[in-house]
Protein backbone atom coordinates (compact mmCIF):
# COMPACT_ATOMS: atom_id res chain seq x y z
CA MET A 1 -44.35 4.02 14.00
CA TRP A 2 -46.32 3.27 10.71
CA SER A 3 -49.45 4.96 9.65
CA PHE A 4 -51.99 2.91 7.97
CA TRP A 5 -51.19 4.54 4.86
CA GLU A 6 -47.31 3.75 5.15
CA ASN A 7 -47.63 0.54 6.10
CA LYS A 8 -50.02 -0.26 2.96
CA SER A 9 -47.72 1.52 0.59
CA PHE A 10 -44.18 1.53 1.69
CA LYS A 11 -43.43 -1.55 4.20
CA LYS A 12 -43.77 -4.61 1.99
CA TYR A 13 -41.89 -5.39 -1.26
CA ASP A 14 -41.20 -8.46 -3.52
CA TYR A 15 -37.58 -7.35 -4.02
CA ILE A 16 -35.21 -4.99 -2.01
CA ILE A 17 -31.99 -4.09 -3.29
CA VAL A 18 -29.38 -2.32 -0.89
CA GLY A 19 -27.22 -0.16 -2.96
CA ALA A 20 -28.03 2.30 -5.75
CA GLY A 21 -24.62 1.76 -7.80
CA ILE A 22 -24.52 0.19 -11.08
CA THR A 23 -24.74 -3.27 -9.92
CA GLY A 24 -27.78 -2.56 -7.52
CA LEU A 25 -29.65 -0.51 -10.37
CA SER A 26 -28.78 -3.18 -13.06
CA THR A 27 -30.13 -5.85 -11.02
CA ALA A 28 -33.66 -3.80 -10.52
CA ALA A 29 -33.62 -3.08 -14.23
CA SER A 30 -33.06 -7.01 -14.80
CA LEU A 31 -35.88 -7.86 -12.37
CA ILE A 32 -38.19 -5.35 -13.50
CA GLU A 33 -37.69 -6.26 -17.19
CA LYS A 34 -38.52 -9.86 -16.37
CA ASN A 35 -41.61 -8.94 -13.99
CA PRO A 36 -42.87 -5.52 -15.00
CA LYS A 37 -45.50 -6.13 -12.05
CA ALA A 38 -42.90 -6.57 -9.31
CA LYS A 39 -42.93 -4.14 -6.50
CA ILE A 40 -38.96 -3.31 -6.08
CA ALA A 41 -37.38 -0.97 -3.65
CA ILE A 42 -33.57 0.14 -3.67
CA LEU A 43 -32.13 1.48 -0.76
CA GLU A 44 -29.06 3.96 -0.95
CA ARG A 45 -27.38 5.27 2.19
CA GLY A 46 -26.11 8.43 0.31
CA PHE A 47 -27.69 11.30 -1.69
CA LEU A 48 -26.05 9.59 -4.49
CA PRO A 49 -24.43 6.23 -4.74
CA THR A 50 -21.49 6.18 -2.20
CA GLY A 51 -18.77 3.97 -3.69
CA ALA A 52 -17.37 4.51 -7.24
CA SER A 53 -20.53 4.40 -9.74
CA THR A 54 -20.72 8.28 -10.11
CA LYS A 55 -16.95 8.86 -9.18
CA ASN A 56 -15.14 6.77 -11.81
CA ALA A 57 -13.22 7.90 -14.69
CA GLY A 58 -15.65 6.93 -17.29
CA PHE A 59 -13.81 4.08 -18.85
CA ALA A 60 -15.58 1.37 -21.20
CA CYS A 61 -12.91 -1.13 -21.01
CA PHE A 62 -12.19 -4.85 -20.47
CA GLY A 63 -8.31 -4.68 -19.46
CA SER A 64 -4.95 -3.57 -21.12
CA LEU A 65 -2.27 -5.82 -22.69
CA SER A 66 -0.08 -5.69 -19.75
CA GLU A 67 -3.07 -6.20 -17.25
CA ILE A 68 -4.22 -9.35 -19.35
CA ALA A 69 -0.89 -10.73 -19.52
CA SER A 70 -0.15 -10.42 -16.08
CA ASP A 71 -3.27 -12.13 -15.16
CA LEU A 72 -1.96 -14.95 -17.06
CA ASP A 73 0.47 -15.66 -14.36
CA THR A 74 -2.30 -16.24 -11.63
CA MET A 75 -5.47 -17.26 -13.95
CA SER A 76 -5.98 -20.27 -16.43
CA GLU A 77 -6.56 -19.24 -19.95
CA THR A 78 -9.91 -20.30 -19.77
CA GLU A 79 -10.67 -18.16 -16.55
CA LEU A 80 -8.88 -14.99 -18.27
CA GLN A 81 -11.30 -15.59 -21.44
CA ASP A 82 -14.64 -15.87 -19.19
CA LEU A 83 -13.24 -12.68 -17.44
CA VAL A 84 -12.71 -10.57 -20.23
CA SER A 85 -15.83 -11.92 -21.86
CA ASN A 86 -17.85 -11.08 -18.98
CA ARG A 87 -16.63 -7.41 -18.98
CA LEU A 88 -17.45 -7.17 -22.48
CA GLN A 89 -20.93 -8.67 -22.13
CA GLY A 90 -21.42 -6.22 -19.32
CA LEU A 91 -20.59 -3.20 -21.53
CA GLU A 92 -22.81 -4.37 -24.27
CA LYS A 93 -25.75 -5.01 -22.11
CA LEU A 94 -25.33 -1.23 -20.86
CA ARG A 95 -25.16 0.21 -24.09
CA HIS A 96 -28.14 -1.93 -25.33
CA ARG A 97 -30.28 -1.27 -22.51
CA LEU A 98 -29.67 2.62 -22.37
CA GLY A 99 -28.18 3.60 -25.74
CA ASP A 100 -24.80 5.19 -26.64
CA LYS A 101 -26.33 8.64 -26.68
CA LYS A 102 -27.65 8.33 -23.00
CA ILE A 103 -24.44 7.20 -21.52
CA GLY A 104 -22.14 9.48 -23.75
CA TYR A 105 -20.47 6.54 -25.28
CA LYS A 106 -17.72 7.35 -27.67
CA GLU A 107 -15.53 4.73 -29.13
CA TYR A 108 -12.08 6.62 -29.64
CA GLY A 109 -10.19 3.40 -28.95
CA GLY A 110 -7.87 2.69 -26.14
CA TYR A 111 -4.05 2.75 -25.56
CA GLU A 112 -1.44 1.67 -23.30
CA LEU A 113 1.80 3.56 -22.61
CA ILE A 114 4.49 1.08 -22.26
CA LEU A 115 7.40 2.02 -20.07
CA ASP A 116 10.75 0.29 -19.57
CA LYS A 117 9.55 -2.13 -17.07
CA GLN A 118 6.65 -3.21 -19.39
CA ILE A 119 8.39 -3.73 -22.40
CA PRO A 120 8.40 -7.60 -21.87
CA TYR A 121 4.51 -7.79 -22.30
CA ILE A 122 5.07 -6.64 -25.94
CA GLU A 123 6.37 -10.12 -26.46
CA LYS A 124 3.01 -11.62 -25.27
CA LEU A 125 0.82 -9.45 -27.45
CA ASP A 126 0.44 -12.20 -30.21
CA LYS A 127 -0.52 -14.80 -27.49
CA VAL A 128 -2.94 -12.28 -25.90
CA ASN A 129 -4.46 -11.75 -29.24
CA GLN A 130 -4.75 -15.35 -30.10
CA LEU A 131 -6.41 -15.84 -26.66
CA LEU A 132 -9.21 -13.26 -27.33
CA GLN A 133 -9.97 -14.01 -30.74
CA PRO A 134 -12.64 -16.35 -30.08
CA ILE A 135 -14.27 -13.57 -27.89
CA PHE A 136 -13.86 -10.83 -30.66
CA GLU A 137 -15.05 -12.78 -33.67
CA GLY A 138 -11.48 -13.77 -34.79
CA LYS A 139 -10.12 -10.19 -34.74
CA ASN A 140 -7.12 -9.01 -33.00
CA VAL A 141 -7.59 -6.72 -29.99
CA PHE A 142 -4.09 -5.23 -29.63
CA LYS A 143 -1.46 -3.74 -31.91
CA THR A 144 1.62 -1.75 -31.63
CA LYS A 145 1.48 2.11 -32.68
CA ASP A 146 4.63 3.54 -31.65
CA GLY A 147 4.46 6.54 -34.04
CA LEU A 148 1.60 7.91 -31.68
CA ILE A 149 4.31 8.70 -28.90
CA GLU A 150 5.48 11.98 -30.38
CA GLY A 151 2.00 12.71 -32.13
CA PHE A 152 0.35 12.51 -28.74
CA GLY A 153 3.16 14.38 -27.14
CA PHE A 154 4.24 12.01 -24.61
CA ASN A 155 7.79 12.00 -23.17
CA ALA A 156 9.58 9.42 -25.17
CA ARG A 157 12.15 9.06 -22.65
CA HIS A 158 9.65 7.42 -20.56
CA VAL A 159 7.18 5.95 -23.00
CA ARG A 160 8.79 3.26 -25.20
CA ARG A 161 6.08 1.76 -26.84
CA ILE A 162 2.27 2.25 -27.42
CA VAL A 163 -0.30 -0.42 -27.73
CA TYR A 164 -3.67 0.31 -29.51
CA ASN A 165 -6.98 -1.37 -28.75
CA ARG A 166 -9.81 -0.23 -31.19
CA PHE A 167 -12.54 -1.89 -29.14
CA GLU A 168 -12.33 0.45 -25.91
CA GLY A 169 -14.39 3.58 -25.50
CA GLN A 170 -15.33 6.09 -22.76
CA ILE A 171 -18.53 7.24 -21.35
CA HIS A 172 -19.96 10.18 -19.46
CA THR A 173 -20.34 8.66 -16.00
CA GLY A 174 -22.92 11.33 -14.79
CA LYS A 175 -25.05 10.72 -17.81
CA MET A 176 -25.09 6.91 -17.58
CA MET A 177 -25.87 6.96 -13.90
CA LYS A 178 -28.74 9.43 -14.41
CA SER A 179 -30.19 7.25 -17.43
CA LEU A 180 -29.93 4.22 -15.24
CA LEU A 181 -31.77 5.75 -12.54
CA ASN A 182 -34.51 7.30 -14.79
CA TYR A 183 -34.68 3.85 -16.50
CA VAL A 184 -35.69 2.02 -13.41
CA GLN A 185 -37.99 4.75 -11.85
CA LYS A 186 -39.99 4.94 -15.12
CA ARG A 187 -40.70 1.37 -14.85
CA GLY A 188 -41.95 1.63 -11.33
CA VAL A 189 -39.12 1.02 -9.09
CA THR A 190 -38.92 3.01 -5.94
CA ILE A 191 -35.43 4.52 -4.80
CA PHE A 192 -35.03 5.50 -1.06
CA THR A 193 -31.85 7.57 -0.65
CA GLY A 194 -30.30 8.74 2.72
CA CYS A 195 -31.62 5.18 3.65
CA GLU A 196 -28.81 3.19 5.88
CA VAL A 197 -29.25 -0.40 6.02
CA ILE A 198 -27.84 -1.68 9.44
CA GLY A 199 -28.97 -5.23 9.45
CA PHE A 200 -31.36 -7.98 7.84
CA GLU A 201 -32.92 -11.24 9.07
CA ASP A 202 -33.94 -14.04 6.64
CA ALA A 203 -36.80 -16.12 8.07
CA GLU A 204 -39.76 -17.90 7.24
CA THR A 205 -43.13 -16.17 8.46
CA GLU A 206 -46.30 -17.90 8.61
CA GLY A 207 -45.30 -20.44 5.69
CA LYS A 208 -43.85 -17.42 3.59
CA ASN A 209 -40.27 -16.50 2.79
CA ASN A 210 -39.51 -13.02 4.30
CA VAL A 211 -36.53 -10.86 4.84
CA THR A 212 -36.89 -8.35 7.55
CA VAL A 213 -34.48 -5.50 6.56
CA LYS A 214 -33.39 -2.90 9.18
CA ILE A 215 -32.93 0.88 8.49
CA LYS A 216 -31.56 3.52 10.71
CA ASN A 217 -34.20 6.10 11.35
CA PRO A 218 -32.24 9.68 10.64
CA LEU A 219 -34.63 11.59 12.49
CA GLU A 220 -34.98 9.50 15.69
CA ASP A 221 -32.92 6.98 17.49
CA THR A 222 -34.93 4.11 16.30
CA THR A 223 -35.06 1.52 13.50
CA ILE A 224 -37.27 1.06 10.59
CA GLU A 225 -38.12 -2.29 9.20
CA LEU A 226 -39.00 -3.19 5.82
CA ILE A 227 -40.51 -6.74 4.73
CA THR A 228 -39.37 -8.15 1.28
CA SER A 229 -39.61 -11.69 -0.01
CA LYS A 230 -35.96 -11.31 -1.56
CA LEU A 231 -33.02 -9.26 -0.78
CA ALA A 232 -30.16 -8.24 -2.72
CA VAL A 233 -27.03 -6.75 -1.38
CA CYS A 234 -25.08 -4.95 -3.85
CA THR A 235 -22.89 -2.62 -1.80
CA ASN A 236 -19.67 -3.43 -3.28
CA ALA A 237 -16.71 -2.17 -0.83
CA PHE A 238 -19.21 -1.42 1.84
CA SER A 239 -20.54 -4.79 2.07
CA LYS A 240 -18.49 -5.87 5.26
CA LYS A 241 -20.52 -3.31 7.24
CA LEU A 242 -23.35 -5.81 6.89
CA ILE A 243 -21.54 -9.10 6.21
CA PRO A 244 -18.17 -8.81 8.04
CA ASP A 245 -16.56 -12.57 7.10
CA LEU A 246 -16.74 -11.59 3.33
CA ASP A 247 -13.30 -12.14 1.29
CA LEU A 248 -13.19 -8.37 0.19
CA GLU A 249 -11.39 -5.41 0.79
CA ALA A 250 -11.66 -1.59 0.05
CA GLY A 251 -9.56 0.12 -2.56
CA ARG A 252 -9.68 3.96 -2.87
CA GLY A 253 -9.25 5.25 -6.31
CA GLN A 254 -8.18 9.05 -6.41
CA VAL A 255 -8.91 11.22 -9.62
CA LEU A 256 -8.08 14.63 -10.83
CA VAL A 257 -9.44 16.65 -13.72
CA THR A 258 -7.45 19.49 -15.27
CA LYS A 259 -8.92 22.78 -16.36
CA PRO A 260 -9.42 22.83 -20.24
CA PHE A 261 -6.42 23.05 -22.53
CA LYS A 262 -6.54 25.36 -25.57
CA TYR A 263 -5.39 22.31 -27.69
CA LEU A 264 -5.16 18.90 -26.78
CA ARG A 265 -3.17 16.41 -28.88
CA PHE A 266 -4.70 13.07 -28.16
CA LYS A 267 -8.33 11.69 -27.56
CA GLY A 268 -9.15 8.39 -26.37
CA THR A 269 -8.75 6.33 -23.20
CA PHE A 270 -4.98 5.63 -21.83
CA HIS A 271 -3.49 3.10 -19.55
CA LEU A 272 -0.20 3.14 -17.77
CA ASP A 273 1.95 0.81 -15.43
CA GLU A 274 -0.26 -2.18 -15.68
CA GLY A 275 -3.43 -0.46 -15.29
CA PHE A 276 -2.47 1.28 -11.97
CA TYR A 277 -2.90 4.73 -13.63
CA TYR A 278 -5.43 5.74 -16.24
CA PHE A 279 -6.29 8.95 -18.08
CA ARG A 280 -8.36 10.09 -20.74
CA ASN A 281 -9.75 13.19 -22.60
CA PHE A 282 -12.99 14.86 -21.60
CA GLY A 283 -13.27 17.52 -24.47
CA LYS A 284 -10.06 19.34 -23.97
CA ARG A 285 -9.59 18.49 -20.28
CA ILE A 286 -7.47 15.35 -18.85
CA ILE A 287 -9.20 13.48 -16.15
CA LEU A 288 -6.40 11.27 -14.48
CA GLY A 289 -6.68 8.53 -11.89
CA GLY A 290 -4.95 5.98 -10.08
CA GLY A 291 -1.74 5.63 -8.04
CA ARG A 292 -2.99 3.19 -5.50
CA ASN A 293 0.24 1.10 -5.85
CA MET A 294 1.78 4.09 -4.12
CA ASP A 295 0.22 3.18 -0.76
CA PHE A 296 -1.68 -0.02 -0.80
CA GLU A 297 -2.28 -0.22 2.81
CA GLY A 298 -3.45 3.67 3.08
CA GLU A 299 -5.68 3.37 0.00
CA ASN A 300 -7.35 0.09 1.35
CA THR A 301 -9.90 2.13 3.12
CA THR A 302 -13.52 3.36 2.54
CA LYS A 303 -12.79 7.08 3.40
CA LEU A 304 -13.95 9.26 0.60
CA GLU A 305 -11.12 11.90 0.58
CA THR A 306 -7.92 12.52 -1.47
CA THR A 307 -4.44 12.56 -0.01
CA GLU A 308 -1.44 14.60 -0.80
CA LEU A 309 0.84 11.72 -1.70
CA ILE A 310 -1.42 10.21 -4.52
CA ILE A 311 -2.33 13.72 -6.04
CA GLU A 312 1.20 14.77 -6.15
CA ASP A 313 1.92 11.66 -7.85
CA LEU A 314 -0.82 12.07 -10.39
CA LYS A 315 0.65 15.65 -11.09
CA SER A 316 3.91 14.44 -11.51
CA LYS A 317 2.50 11.80 -14.18
CA LEU A 318 1.11 14.53 -16.11
CA SER A 319 4.16 16.75 -15.94
CA ASP A 320 6.67 13.86 -16.40
CA ILE A 321 4.81 11.77 -18.97
CA ILE A 322 1.61 12.76 -20.43
CA ILE A 323 2.05 16.50 -21.15
CA PRO A 324 5.75 17.15 -20.22
CA LYS A 325 5.81 20.42 -22.45
CA GLN A 326 2.39 21.81 -21.31
CA LYS A 327 1.46 23.99 -18.13
CA PHE A 328 -1.61 22.80 -16.62
CA GLU A 329 -4.33 23.55 -13.80
CA ILE A 330 -6.18 21.16 -11.73
CA ASP A 331 -9.85 21.91 -11.79
CA THR A 332 -11.08 19.47 -8.89
CA THR A 333 -10.00 16.22 -7.23
CA TRP A 334 -12.16 13.36 -5.73
CA ALA A 335 -12.06 9.75 -4.64
CA GLY A 336 -14.15 6.65 -5.13
CA ILE A 337 -14.11 3.41 -3.47
CA MET A 338 -13.59 -0.01 -5.28
CA ALA A 339 -13.69 -3.62 -3.88
CA PHE A 340 -11.05 -6.18 -4.42
CA THR A 341 -10.46 -9.69 -3.19
CA GLU A 342 -8.36 -9.89 0.09
CA SER A 343 -6.37 -12.79 -1.29
CA SER A 344 -5.66 -10.90 -4.67
CA LYS A 345 -5.99 -14.33 -6.47
CA THR A 346 -9.26 -13.86 -8.41
CA LYS A 347 -10.65 -10.98 -10.14
CA THR A 348 -14.22 -12.47 -10.37
CA PRO A 349 -17.07 -10.75 -8.59
CA LEU A 350 -18.46 -12.45 -5.65
CA LEU A 351 -22.09 -13.77 -6.35
CA GLN A 352 -23.73 -16.15 -4.06
CA ASN A 353 -26.81 -17.09 -1.96
CA TYR A 354 -25.72 -15.58 1.28
CA SER A 355 -28.83 -17.18 2.78
CA LYS A 356 -32.26 -18.85 1.45
CA ASN A 357 -33.63 -15.39 0.64
CA VAL A 358 -30.61 -13.35 0.37
CA VAL A 359 -28.25 -12.86 -2.47
CA LEU A 360 -24.95 -11.27 -2.65
CA GLY A 361 -23.27 -9.57 -5.74
CA VAL A 362 -20.28 -7.43 -4.92
CA ARG A 363 -16.49 -7.41 -5.38
CA LEU A 364 -16.17 -5.95 -8.93
CA GLY A 365 -12.58 -5.36 -8.95
CA GLY A 366 -12.28 -1.57 -10.21
CA MET A 367 -14.40 -3.03 -13.12
CA GLY A 368 -17.66 -1.73 -12.22
CA VAL A 369 -18.79 0.02 -15.49
CA ALA A 370 -17.86 -3.11 -17.50
CA LEU A 371 -19.25 -5.66 -14.93
CA GLY A 372 -22.12 -4.16 -13.22
CA SER A 373 -24.76 -4.89 -15.94
CA LYS A 374 -23.75 -8.48 -16.43
CA LEU A 375 -23.39 -9.06 -12.69
CA GLY A 376 -26.84 -7.44 -12.23
CA ASP A 377 -28.36 -9.78 -14.60
CA GLU A 378 -26.82 -12.84 -12.83
CA ILE A 379 -28.29 -11.38 -9.34
CA ALA A 380 -31.52 -11.32 -10.91
CA ASN A 381 -31.49 -14.74 -12.24
CA LEU A 382 -30.12 -16.12 -8.86
CA ILE A 383 -32.46 -14.43 -6.60
CA GLU A 384 -35.57 -15.67 -8.72
CA ASN A 385 -34.44 -19.44 -8.48
């Protein structure tokens, strides 16, 4: 039951966005930048964004050498260039919109630890550099720095080479999301949390384009309906709950963070085993995530919980490879949910007109920090046309 006041102030919008993660907030930011008077609402089912936007490891990256070289087996060179370029543009958009200080951006550089089975990728380093030069103003992205194996204290029995990328950085995920929330709220965007969308209906009513958005009422066994001219679905891995037939599957990422060390020998962002593992410093702590390749079937889930199998594997990576001569204590662990294609044939986000007044922007392939701002801009452009 709507009161007169609620009906006047809270029911109708120019744009409604489902999902308050990086993509949803970036879509709202692009829309309100283009049309400052637009009435925009974001609907988020959780207290905080539910997927990976507040649960990632804080990498400002666009792909390691082995990942990019491996992608050449399934993508054309042009497709790969477009993918890397979109990731870079997304990061630049995020930094420009919010400012480096507000997202805790630090460009310490990125590194890939090359194990025995990745050594053949070193032979492709020159080819990958040449491929990426048009994107990076003619500069080489990757180069080997094997002397850092000992300097960083890694286990040389496992780590055979190190590849350095000076264009990679790290962010403070919490600061970034808080700044993005503040950015859109200061410009008049309304954000409703604890607001689960259970369906929508796109129809023309009285000669106008309208979408009815149905929300579960947490206080009663009833449905609340909002009306919007345009709807954007930005729920990534959770999108199948609204649209079951999408080419999309969930991929859980588990993460741990250590207690601070008295002395930590490395600083930067690091990739391991074709990007399936990733770690970084946060001050004198280590944040380490990954291991999805240990149990692809089990990690194809939207359950926000960790498993003993993956967390123990991450601990072994710490003790066997990353800090073999140091004792460590785990401070906390958590999990986030990413979205990938079921066919595994593309890493391009899914952007489309689902219906006349509904746009879909999901499936960021574990690259939400890099792609979210760019995808949000593309969603805003598509929804206005």
